[in-house]
Amino acid sequence: MNKFYVTNVQQSDTNEKTGHYQFLVTFDDKTKCRVFYTKNPDWKLESVTRLLTVPCPICRRDYFCNCLERFTDVIDQEVKESGLLPE
Protein backbone atom coordinates (compact mmCIF):
# COMPACT_ATOMS: atom_id res chain seq x y z
CA MET A 1 0.00 0.00 0.00
CA ASN A 2 1.65 3.19 -1.13
CA LYS A 3 -1.24 5.63 -1.04
CA PHE A 4 -3.26 6.40 2.04
CA TYR A 5 -6.55 8.15 1.39
CA VAL A 6 -7.48 10.27 4.39
CA THR A 7 -11.22 10.42 5.02
CA ASN A 8 -11.29 12.03 8.47
CA VAL A 9 -9.00 13.97 10.82
CA GLN A 10 -10.05 14.61 14.41
CA GLN A 11 -8.04 16.68 16.84
CA SER A 12 -7.39 14.53 19.88
CA ASP A 13 -5.10 16.58 22.08
CA THR A 14 -3.23 19.86 21.90
CA ASN A 15 -0.63 21.88 23.72
CA GLU A 16 -0.65 25.25 22.01
CA LYS A 17 2.06 26.61 24.28
CA THR A 18 4.62 24.11 22.93
CA GLY A 19 2.98 23.74 19.51
CA HIS A 20 2.28 20.01 19.85
CA TYR A 21 -0.90 18.55 18.36
CA GLN A 22 -2.31 15.05 18.25
CA PHE A 23 -4.86 13.91 15.67
CA LEU A 24 -6.80 10.73 14.98
CA VAL A 25 -6.68 10.02 11.26
CA THR A 26 -9.01 7.60 9.47
CA PHE A 27 -8.10 6.20 6.05
CA ASP A 28 -10.52 4.94 3.41
CA ASP A 29 -9.88 1.28 4.38
CA LYS A 30 -11.06 2.11 7.96
CA THR A 31 -7.52 1.98 9.36
CA LYS A 32 -7.04 4.52 12.13
CA CYS A 33 -3.84 6.02 13.38
CA ARG A 34 -2.67 8.64 15.80
CA VAL A 35 -0.45 11.31 14.26
CA PHE A 36 1.64 13.79 16.20
CA TYR A 37 2.36 17.18 14.68
CA THR A 38 4.20 20.30 15.71
CA LYS A 39 3.24 23.71 14.39
CA ASN A 40 5.96 26.30 14.57
CA PRO A 41 4.84 28.08 12.28
CA ASP A 42 4.20 25.28 9.70
CA TRP A 43 2.81 21.81 10.30
CA LYS A 44 5.50 19.13 10.72
CA LEU A 45 4.71 15.45 11.25
CA GLU A 46 6.60 13.99 14.21
CA SER A 47 5.31 10.40 14.35
CA VAL A 48 2.54 8.00 13.37
CA THR A 49 1.10 5.20 15.48
CA ARG A 50 -1.54 2.78 14.20
CA LEU A 51 -4.55 2.22 16.42
CA LEU A 52 -5.31 -1.47 16.80
CA THR A 53 -8.88 -1.32 15.47
CA VAL A 54 -8.24 -3.27 12.23
CA PRO A 55 -5.21 -5.22 10.94
CA CYS A 56 -2.33 -3.26 9.52
CA PRO A 57 -2.95 -2.43 5.83
CA ILE A 58 0.68 -3.21 5.01
CA CYS A 59 1.67 -6.38 6.90
CA ARG A 60 -1.90 -7.46 7.86
CA ARG A 61 -0.89 -8.08 11.49
CA ASP A 62 -3.52 -7.38 14.08
CA TYR A 63 -1.02 -6.50 16.77
CA PHE A 64 1.55 -3.72 17.19
CA CYS A 65 3.82 -3.04 14.23
CA ASN A 66 5.83 -0.08 12.93
CA CYS A 67 4.81 -0.28 9.27
CA LEU A 68 3.18 3.15 9.10
CA GLU A 69 6.39 4.81 10.32
CA ARG A 70 7.95 3.94 6.96
CA PHE A 71 5.28 6.00 5.18
CA THR A 72 5.31 9.18 7.28
CA ASP A 73 6.08 11.36 4.27
CA VAL A 74 3.14 9.91 2.30
CA ILE A 75 0.77 10.15 5.27
CA ASP A 76 1.90 13.71 5.98
CA GLN A 77 1.22 14.71 2.38
CA GLU A 78 -2.23 13.06 2.40
CA VAL A 79 -3.24 14.72 5.68
CA LYS A 80 -2.13 18.13 4.44
CA GLU A 81 -3.83 17.67 1.05
CA SER A 82 -7.07 16.61 2.73
CA GLY A 83 -7.49 20.15 4.04
CA LEU A 84 -8.67 18.81 7.38
CA LEU A 85 -5.88 20.27 9.53
CA PRO A 86 -6.89 23.37 11.48
CA GLU A 87 -5.44 26.68 10.36
PDB file of N, CA and C in Angstrom:
ATOM      1  N   MET A   1       0.855  -1.185   0.000  1.00  0.00           N
ATOM      2  CA  MET A   1       0.000   0.000   0.000  1.00  0.00           C
ATOM      3  C   MET A   1       0.889   1.231   0.000  1.00  0.00           C
ATOM      4  N   ASN A   2       0.817   2.002  -1.034  1.00  0.00           N
ATOM      5  CA  ASN A   2       1.651   3.186  -1.128  1.00  0.00           C
ATOM      6  C   ASN A   2       0.877   4.470  -0.939  1.00  0.00           C
ATOM      7  N   LYS A   3      -0.420   4.434  -1.139  1.00  0.00           N
ATOM      8  CA  LYS A   3      -1.243   5.628  -1.042  1.00  0.00           C
ATOM      9  C   LYS A   3      -2.243   5.440   0.085  1.00  0.00           C
ATOM     10  N   PHE A   4      -2.306   6.414   0.945  1.00  0.00           N
ATOM     11  CA  PHE A   4      -3.256   6.399   2.044  1.00  0.00           C
ATOM     12  C   PHE A   4      -4.263   7.506   1.765  1.00  0.00           C
ATOM     13  N   TYR A   5      -5.521   7.159   1.669  1.00  0.00           N
ATOM     14  CA  TYR A   5      -6.554   8.152   1.387  1.00  0.00           C
ATOM     15  C   TYR A   5      -7.222   8.555   2.692  1.00  0.00           C
ATOM     16  N   VAL A   6      -6.958   9.757   3.123  1.00  0.00           N
ATOM     17  CA  VAL A   6      -7.481  10.274   4.386  1.00  0.00           C
ATOM     18  C   VAL A   6      -8.947  10.639   4.207  1.00  0.00           C
ATOM     19  N   THR A   7      -9.802  10.093   5.072  1.00  0.00           N
ATOM     20  CA  THR A   7     -11.220  10.424   5.018  1.00  0.00           C
ATOM     21  C   THR A   7     -11.660  11.286   6.193  1.00  0.00           C
ATOM     22  N   ASN A   8     -10.884  11.258   7.298  1.00  0.00           N
ATOM     23  CA  ASN A   8     -11.286  12.027   8.469  1.00  0.00           C
ATOM     24  C   ASN A   8     -10.060  12.346   9.318  1.00  0.00           C
ATOM     25  N   VAL A   9     -10.033  13.553   9.879  1.00  0.00           N
ATOM     26  CA  VAL A   9      -8.996  13.966  10.820  1.00  0.00           C
ATOM     27  C   VAL A   9      -9.699  14.608  12.003  1.00  0.00           C
ATOM     28  N   GLN A  10      -9.463  14.061  13.197  1.00  0.00           N
ATOM     29  CA  GLN A  10     -10.053  14.613  14.414  1.00  0.00           C
ATOM     30  C   GLN A  10      -8.932  15.038  15.347  1.00  0.00           C
ATOM     31  N   GLN A  11      -9.040  16.238  15.875  1.00  0.00           N
ATOM     32  CA  GLN A  11      -8.039  16.681  16.841  1.00  0.00           C
ATOM     33  C   GLN A  11      -8.287  15.963  18.153  1.00  0.00           C
ATOM     34  N   SER A  12      -7.268  15.329  18.675  1.00  0.00           N
ATOM     35  CA  SER A  12      -7.393  14.535  19.878  1.00  0.00           C
ATOM     36  C   SER A  12      -6.866  15.272  21.106  1.00  0.00           C
ATOM     37  N   ASP A  13      -5.710  15.896  20.957  1.00  0.00           N
ATOM     38  CA  ASP A  13      -5.099  16.584  22.084  1.00  0.00           C
ATOM     39  C   ASP A  13      -4.233  17.713  21.542  1.00  0.00           C
ATOM     40  N   THR A  14      -4.029  18.723  22.357  1.00  0.00           N
ATOM     41  CA  THR A  14      -3.233  19.856  21.902  1.00  0.00           C
ATOM     42  C   THR A  14      -2.517  20.511  23.069  1.00  0.00           C
ATOM     43  N   ASN A  15      -1.357  21.040  22.781  1.00  0.00           N
ATOM     44  CA  ASN A  15      -0.631  21.883  23.722  1.00  0.00           C
ATOM     45  C   ASN A  15      -0.138  23.074  22.915  1.00  0.00           C
ATOM     46  N   GLU A  16      -0.958  24.101  22.858  1.00  0.00           N
ATOM     47  CA  GLU A  16      -0.653  25.251  22.010  1.00  0.00           C
ATOM     48  C   GLU A  16       0.584  26.008  22.482  1.00  0.00           C
ATOM     49  N   LYS A  17       0.882  25.923  23.757  1.00  0.00           N
ATOM     50  CA  LYS A  17       2.062  26.610  24.285  1.00  0.00           C
ATOM     51  C   LYS A  17       3.343  26.060  23.658  1.00  0.00           C
ATOM     52  N   THR A  18       3.423  24.735  23.510  1.00  0.00           N
ATOM     53  CA  THR A  18       4.615  24.113  22.926  1.00  0.00           C
ATOM     54  C   THR A  18       4.451  23.828  21.442  1.00  0.00           C
ATOM     55  N   GLY A  19       3.228  23.974  20.925  1.00  0.00           N
ATOM     56  CA  GLY A  19       2.976  23.740  19.507  1.00  0.00           C
ATOM     57  C   GLY A  19       2.808  22.282  19.136  1.00  0.00           C
ATOM     58  N   HIS A  20       2.483  21.429  20.109  1.00  0.00           N
ATOM     59  CA  HIS A  20       2.278  20.007  19.846  1.00  0.00           C
ATOM     60  C   HIS A  20       0.788  19.703  19.690  1.00  0.00           C
ATOM     61  N   TYR A  21       0.482  18.912  18.653  1.00  0.00           N
ATOM     62  CA  TYR A  21      -0.901  18.546  18.361  1.00  0.00           C
ATOM     63  C   TYR A  21      -0.973  17.057  18.086  1.00  0.00           C
ATOM     64  N   GLN A  22      -2.078  16.471  18.483  1.00  0.00           N
ATOM     65  CA  GLN A  22      -2.309  15.052  18.255  1.00  0.00           C
ATOM     66  C   GLN A  22      -3.646  14.899  17.544  1.00  0.00           C
ATOM     67  N   PHE A  23      -3.652  14.111  16.460  1.00  0.00           N
ATOM     68  CA  PHE A  23      -4.857  13.911  15.667  1.00  0.00           C
ATOM     69  C   PHE A  23      -5.116  12.426  15.479  1.00  0.00           C
ATOM     70  N   LEU A  24      -6.397  12.075  15.371  1.00  0.00           N
ATOM     71  CA  LEU A  24      -6.798  10.731  14.983  1.00  0.00           C
ATOM     72  C   LEU A  24      -7.170  10.800  13.507  1.00  0.00           C
ATOM     73  N   VAL A  25      -6.482  10.012  12.699  1.00  0.00           N
ATOM     74  CA  VAL A  25      -6.676  10.020  11.258  1.00  0.00           C
ATOM     75  C   VAL A  25      -7.307   8.706  10.837  1.00  0.00           C
ATOM     76  N   THR A  26      -8.354   8.784  10.013  1.00  0.00           N
ATOM     77  CA  THR A  26      -9.008   7.597   9.467  1.00  0.00           C
ATOM     78  C   THR A  26      -8.749   7.559   7.963  1.00  0.00           C
ATOM     79  N   PHE A  27      -8.339   6.394   7.476  1.00  0.00           N
ATOM     80  CA  PHE A  27      -8.101   6.201   6.049  1.00  0.00           C
ATOM     81  C   PHE A  27      -9.305   5.515   5.419  1.00  0.00           C
ATOM     82  N   ASP A  28      -9.354   5.485   4.104  1.00  0.00           N
ATOM     83  CA  ASP A  28     -10.520   4.942   3.409  1.00  0.00           C
ATOM     84  C   ASP A  28     -10.740   3.457   3.656  1.00  0.00           C
ATOM     85  N   ASP A  29      -9.710   2.712   4.078  1.00  0.00           N
ATOM     86  CA  ASP A  29      -9.879   1.281   4.381  1.00  0.00           C
ATOM     87  C   ASP A  29     -10.246   1.046   5.844  1.00  0.00           C
ATOM     88  N   LYS A  30     -10.630   2.115   6.554  1.00  0.00           N
ATOM     89  CA  LYS A  30     -11.064   2.111   7.962  1.00  0.00           C
ATOM     90  C   LYS A  30      -9.911   1.960   8.946  1.00  0.00           C
ATOM     91  N   THR A  31      -8.678   1.977   8.465  1.00  0.00           N
ATOM     92  CA  THR A  31      -7.525   1.982   9.356  1.00  0.00           C
ATOM     93  C   THR A  31      -7.472   3.323  10.064  1.00  0.00           C
ATOM     94  N   LYS A  32      -7.165   3.295  11.356  1.00  0.00           N
ATOM     95  CA  LYS A  32      -7.044   4.525  12.131  1.00  0.00           C
ATOM     96  C   LYS A  32      -5.640   4.607  12.702  1.00  0.00           C
ATOM     97  N   CYS A  33      -5.145   5.822  12.771  1.00  0.00           N
ATOM     98  CA  CYS A  33      -3.836   6.019  13.383  1.00  0.00           C
ATOM     99  C   CYS A  33      -3.832   7.334  14.130  1.00  0.00           C
ATOM    100  N   ARG A  34      -2.876   7.434  15.019  1.00  0.00           N
ATOM    101  CA  ARG A  34      -2.671   8.644  15.798  1.00  0.00           C
ATOM    102  C   ARG A  34      -1.434   9.315  15.219  1.00  0.00           C
ATOM    103  N   VAL A  35      -1.573  10.570  14.819  1.00  0.00           N
ATOM    104  CA  VAL A  35      -0.447  11.311  14.263  1.00  0.00           C
ATOM    105  C   VAL A  35      -0.115  12.478  15.186  1.00  0.00           C
ATOM    106  N   PHE A  36       1.153  12.715  15.339  1.00  0.00           N
ATOM    107  CA  PHE A  36       1.638  13.787  16.201  1.00  0.00           C
ATOM    108  C   PHE A  36       2.312  14.834  15.330  1.00  0.00           C
ATOM    109  N   TYR A  37       1.836  16.065  15.452  1.00  0.00           N
ATOM    110  CA  TYR A  37       2.356  17.185  14.676  1.00  0.00           C
ATOM    111  C   TYR A  37       2.879  18.268  15.607  1.00  0.00           C
ATOM    112  N   THR A  38       3.817  19.043  15.069  1.00  0.00           N
ATOM    113  CA  THR A  38       4.199  20.297  15.711  1.00  0.00           C
ATOM    114  C   THR A  38       3.878  21.402  14.725  1.00  0.00           C
ATOM    115  N   LYS A  39       3.531  22.556  15.248  1.00  0.00           N
ATOM    116  CA  LYS A  39       3.239  23.709  14.391  1.00  0.00           C
ATOM    117  C   LYS A  39       4.042  24.885  14.905  1.00  0.00           C
ATOM    118  N   ASN A  40       5.085  25.224  14.127  1.00  0.00           N
ATOM    119  CA  ASN A  40       5.958  26.296  14.567  1.00  0.00           C
ATOM    120  C   ASN A  40       6.710  26.885  13.387  1.00  0.00           C
ATOM    121  N   PRO A  41       6.219  27.672  12.519  1.00  0.00           N
ATOM    122  CA  PRO A  41       4.837  28.076  12.283  1.00  0.00           C
ATOM    123  C   PRO A  41       4.107  27.132  11.325  1.00  0.00           C
ATOM    124  N   ASP A  42       4.843  26.212  10.632  1.00  0.00           N
ATOM    125  CA  ASP A  42       4.203  25.284   9.696  1.00  0.00           C
ATOM    126  C   ASP A  42       4.013  23.918  10.348  1.00  0.00           C
ATOM    127  N   TRP A  43       3.073  23.153   9.795  1.00  0.00           N
ATOM    128  CA  TRP A  43       2.809  21.809  10.298  1.00  0.00           C
ATOM    129  C   TRP A  43       3.968  20.880   9.941  1.00  0.00           C
ATOM    130  N   LYS A  44       4.445  20.115  10.937  1.00  0.00           N
ATOM    131  CA  LYS A  44       5.498  19.131  10.715  1.00  0.00           C
ATOM    132  C   LYS A  44       5.109  17.842  11.427  1.00  0.00           C
ATOM    133  N   LEU A  45       5.061  16.748  10.681  1.00  0.00           N
ATOM    134  CA  LEU A  45       4.708  15.451  11.247  1.00  0.00           C
ATOM    135  C   LEU A  45       5.863  14.918  12.070  1.00  0.00           C
ATOM    136  N   GLU A  46       5.581  14.537  13.316  1.00  0.00           N
ATOM    137  CA  GLU A  46       6.603  13.989  14.210  1.00  0.00           C
ATOM    138  C   GLU A  46       6.586  12.467  14.219  1.00  0.00           C
ATOM    139  N   SER A  47       5.401  11.865  14.343  1.00  0.00           N
ATOM    140  CA  SER A  47       5.315  10.404  14.354  1.00  0.00           C
ATOM    141  C   SER A  47       3.902   9.931  14.047  1.00  0.00           C
ATOM    142  N   VAL A  48       3.817   8.642  13.705  1.00  0.00           N
ATOM    143  CA  VAL A  48       2.544   7.999  13.374  1.00  0.00           C
ATOM    144  C   VAL A  48       2.469   6.693  14.143  1.00  0.00           C
ATOM    145  N   THR A  49       1.326   6.442  14.766  1.00  0.00           N
ATOM    146  CA  THR A  49       1.101   5.196  15.482  1.00  0.00           C
ATOM    147  C   THR A  49      -0.253   4.638  15.074  1.00  0.00           C
ATOM    148  N   ARG A  50      -0.279   3.397  14.620  1.00  0.00           N
ATOM    149  CA  ARG A  50      -1.536   2.780  14.197  1.00  0.00           C
ATOM    150  C   ARG A  50      -2.349   2.376  15.421  1.00  0.00           C
ATOM    151  N   LEU A  51      -3.633   2.684  15.386  1.00  0.00           N
ATOM    152  CA  LEU A  51      -4.545   2.219  16.423  1.00  0.00           C
ATOM    153  C   LEU A  51      -4.960   0.790  16.067  1.00  0.00           C
ATOM    154  N   LEU A  52      -5.089  -0.044  17.042  1.00  0.00           N
ATOM    155  CA  LEU A  52      -5.314  -1.472  16.799  1.00  0.00           C
ATOM    156  C   LEU A  52      -6.785  -1.812  16.597  1.00  0.00           C
ATOM    157  N   THR A  53      -7.464  -1.072  15.723  1.00  0.00           N
ATOM    158  CA  THR A  53      -8.880  -1.323  15.467  1.00  0.00           C
ATOM    159  C   THR A  53      -9.093  -2.319  14.331  1.00  0.00           C
ATOM    160  N   VAL A  54      -8.205  -2.318  13.349  1.00  0.00           N
ATOM    161  CA  VAL A  54      -8.237  -3.269  12.231  1.00  0.00           C
ATOM    162  C   VAL A  54      -6.798  -3.691  11.948  1.00  0.00           C
ATOM    163  N   PRO A  55      -6.588  -4.805  11.262  1.00  0.00           N
ATOM    164  CA  PRO A  55      -5.213  -5.218  10.944  1.00  0.00           C
ATOM    165  C   PRO A  55      -4.471  -4.165  10.123  1.00  0.00           C
ATOM    166  N   CYS A  56      -3.179  -4.194  10.253  1.00  0.00           N
ATOM    167  CA  CYS A  56      -2.326  -3.256   9.521  1.00  0.00           C
ATOM    168  C   CYS A  56      -2.551  -3.424   8.024  1.00  0.00           C
ATOM    169  N   PRO A  57      -2.716  -2.325   7.276  1.00  0.00           N
ATOM    170  CA  PRO A  57      -2.952  -2.432   5.835  1.00  0.00           C
ATOM    171  C   PRO A  57      -1.709  -2.868   5.055  1.00  0.00           C
ATOM    172  N   ILE A  58      -0.560  -2.864   5.690  1.00  0.00           N
ATOM    173  CA  ILE A  58       0.681  -3.213   5.012  1.00  0.00           C
ATOM    174  C   ILE A  58       1.068  -4.667   5.280  1.00  0.00           C
ATOM    175  N   CYS A  59       1.219  -5.029   6.555  1.00  0.00           N
ATOM    176  CA  CYS A  59       1.666  -6.384   6.898  1.00  0.00           C
ATOM    177  C   CYS A  59       0.515  -7.298   7.314  1.00  0.00           C
ATOM    178  N   ARG A  60      -0.679  -6.745   7.485  1.00  0.00           N
ATOM    179  CA  ARG A  60      -1.899  -7.464   7.862  1.00  0.00           C
ATOM    180  C   ARG A  60      -1.849  -8.057   9.273  1.00  0.00           C
ATOM    181  N   ARG A  61      -0.926  -7.629  10.099  1.00  0.00           N
ATOM    182  CA  ARG A  61      -0.893  -8.076  11.495  1.00  0.00           C
ATOM    183  C   ARG A  61      -1.997  -7.359  12.265  1.00  0.00           C
ATOM    184  N   ASP A  62      -2.507  -8.039  13.257  1.00  0.00           N
ATOM    185  CA  ASP A  62      -3.525  -7.380  14.082  1.00  0.00           C
ATOM    186  C   ASP A  62      -2.962  -7.037  15.460  1.00  0.00           C
ATOM    187  N   TYR A  63      -1.661  -6.950  15.555  1.00  0.00           N
ATOM    188  CA  TYR A  63      -1.019  -6.504  16.773  1.00  0.00           C
ATOM    189  C   TYR A  63      -0.020  -5.403  16.406  1.00  0.00           C
ATOM    190  N   PHE A  64       0.687  -4.878  17.392  1.00  0.00           N
ATOM    191  CA  PHE A  64       1.549  -3.722  17.188  1.00  0.00           C
ATOM    192  C   PHE A  64       2.613  -3.976  16.123  1.00  0.00           C
ATOM    193  N   CYS A  65       2.756  -3.016  15.235  1.00  0.00           N
ATOM    194  CA  CYS A  65       3.815  -3.035  14.228  1.00  0.00           C
ATOM    195  C   CYS A  65       4.225  -1.595  13.947  1.00  0.00           C
ATOM    196  N   ASN A  66       5.323  -1.415  13.245  1.00  0.00           N
ATOM    197  CA  ASN A  66       5.828  -0.076  12.928  1.00  0.00           C
ATOM    198  C   ASN A  66       5.743   0.234  11.447  1.00  0.00           C
ATOM    199  N   CYS A  67       4.887  -0.444  10.733  1.00  0.00           N
ATOM    200  CA  CYS A  67       4.813  -0.283   9.274  1.00  0.00           C
ATOM    201  C   CYS A  67       4.504   1.146   8.849  1.00  0.00           C
ATOM    202  N   LEU A  68       3.576   1.800   9.518  1.00  0.00           N
ATOM    203  CA  LEU A  68       3.176   3.150   9.102  1.00  0.00           C
ATOM    204  C   LEU A  68       4.297   4.164   9.265  1.00  0.00           C
ATOM    205  N   GLU A  69       5.249   3.904  10.149  1.00  0.00           N
ATOM    206  CA  GLU A  69       6.386   4.815  10.324  1.00  0.00           C
ATOM    207  C   GLU A  69       7.202   4.931   9.040  1.00  0.00           C
ATOM    208  N   ARG A  70       7.199   3.899   8.215  1.00  0.00           N
ATOM    209  CA  ARG A  70       7.953   3.939   6.956  1.00  0.00           C
ATOM    210  C   ARG A  70       7.292   4.856   5.932  1.00  0.00           C
ATOM    211  N   PHE A  71       6.042   5.202   6.151  1.00  0.00           N
ATOM    212  CA  PHE A  71       5.284   6.003   5.185  1.00  0.00           C
ATOM    213  C   PHE A  71       4.894   7.369   5.742  1.00  0.00           C
ATOM    214  N   THR A  72       5.673   7.897   6.670  1.00  0.00           N
ATOM    215  CA  THR A  72       5.312   9.177   7.285  1.00  0.00           C
ATOM    216  C   THR A  72       5.237  10.302   6.263  1.00  0.00           C
ATOM    217  N   ASP A  73       6.116  10.291   5.269  1.00  0.00           N
ATOM    218  CA  ASP A  73       6.078  11.361   4.268  1.00  0.00           C
ATOM    219  C   ASP A  73       4.804  11.297   3.427  1.00  0.00           C
ATOM    220  N   VAL A  74       4.369  10.087   3.080  1.00  0.00           N
ATOM    221  CA  VAL A  74       3.141   9.909   2.296  1.00  0.00           C
ATOM    222  C   VAL A  74       1.919  10.291   3.133  1.00  0.00           C
ATOM    223  N   ILE A  75       1.897   9.842   4.382  1.00  0.00           N
ATOM    224  CA  ILE A  75       0.772  10.146   5.269  1.00  0.00           C
ATOM    225  C   ILE A  75       0.706  11.648   5.531  1.00  0.00           C
ATOM    226  N   ASP A  76       1.852  12.269   5.760  1.00  0.00           N
ATOM    227  CA  ASP A  76       1.904  13.709   5.980  1.00  0.00           C
ATOM    228  C   ASP A  76       1.330  14.459   4.778  1.00  0.00           C
ATOM    229  N   GLN A  77       1.717  14.068   3.596  1.00  0.00           N
ATOM    230  CA  GLN A  77       1.218  14.712   2.378  1.00  0.00           C
ATOM    231  C   GLN A  77      -0.286  14.530   2.242  1.00  0.00           C
ATOM    232  N   GLU A  78      -0.788  13.325   2.507  1.00  0.00           N
ATOM    233  CA  GLU A  78      -2.228  13.060   2.404  1.00  0.00           C
ATOM    234  C   GLU A  78      -3.025  13.874   3.416  1.00  0.00           C
ATOM    235  N   VAL A  79      -2.529  13.949   4.652  1.00  0.00           N
ATOM    236  CA  VAL A  79      -3.238  14.718   5.683  1.00  0.00           C
ATOM    237  C   VAL A  79      -3.281  16.191   5.296  1.00  0.00           C
ATOM    238  N   LYS A  80      -2.167  16.728   4.825  1.00  0.00           N
ATOM    239  CA  LYS A  80      -2.133  18.135   4.435  1.00  0.00           C
ATOM    240  C   LYS A  80      -3.012  18.403   3.221  1.00  0.00           C
ATOM    241  N   GLU A  81      -3.012  17.494   2.253  1.00  0.00           N
ATOM    242  CA  GLU A  81      -3.832  17.670   1.054  1.00  0.00           C
ATOM    243  C   GLU A  81      -5.318  17.512   1.337  1.00  0.00           C
ATOM    244  N   SER A  82      -5.663  16.802   2.408  1.00  0.00           N
ATOM    245  CA  SER A  82      -7.072  16.611   2.731  1.00  0.00           C
ATOM    246  C   SER A  82      -7.736  17.924   3.147  1.00  0.00           C
ATOM    247  N   GLY A  83      -6.938  18.875   3.598  1.00  0.00           N
ATOM    248  CA  GLY A  83      -7.488  20.154   4.037  1.00  0.00           C
ATOM    249  C   GLY A  83      -8.197  20.080   5.372  1.00  0.00           C
ATOM    250  N   LEU A  84      -7.966  19.011   6.126  1.00  0.00           N
ATOM    251  CA  LEU A  84      -8.672  18.812   7.383  1.00  0.00           C
ATOM    252  C   LEU A  84      -7.880  19.257   8.598  1.00  0.00           C
ATOM    253  N   LEU A  85      -6.643  19.724   8.409  1.00  0.00           N
ATOM    254  CA  LEU A  85      -5.884  20.266   9.526  1.00  0.00           C
ATOM    255  C   LEU A  85      -6.403  21.655   9.850  1.00  0.00           C
ATOM    256  N   PRO A  86      -6.451  22.009  11.131  1.00  0.00           N
ATOM    257  CA  PRO A  86      -6.894  23.365  11.479  1.00  0.00           C
ATOM    258  C   PRO A  86      -5.871  24.397  11.022  1.00  0.00           C
ATOM    259  N   GLU A  87      -6.331  25.600  10.816  1.00  0.00           N
ATOM    260  CA  GLU A  87      -5.443  26.678  10.361  1.00  0.00           C
ATOM    261  C   GLU A  87      -4.616  27.130  11.478  1.00  0.00           C
TER     262      GLU A  87
END
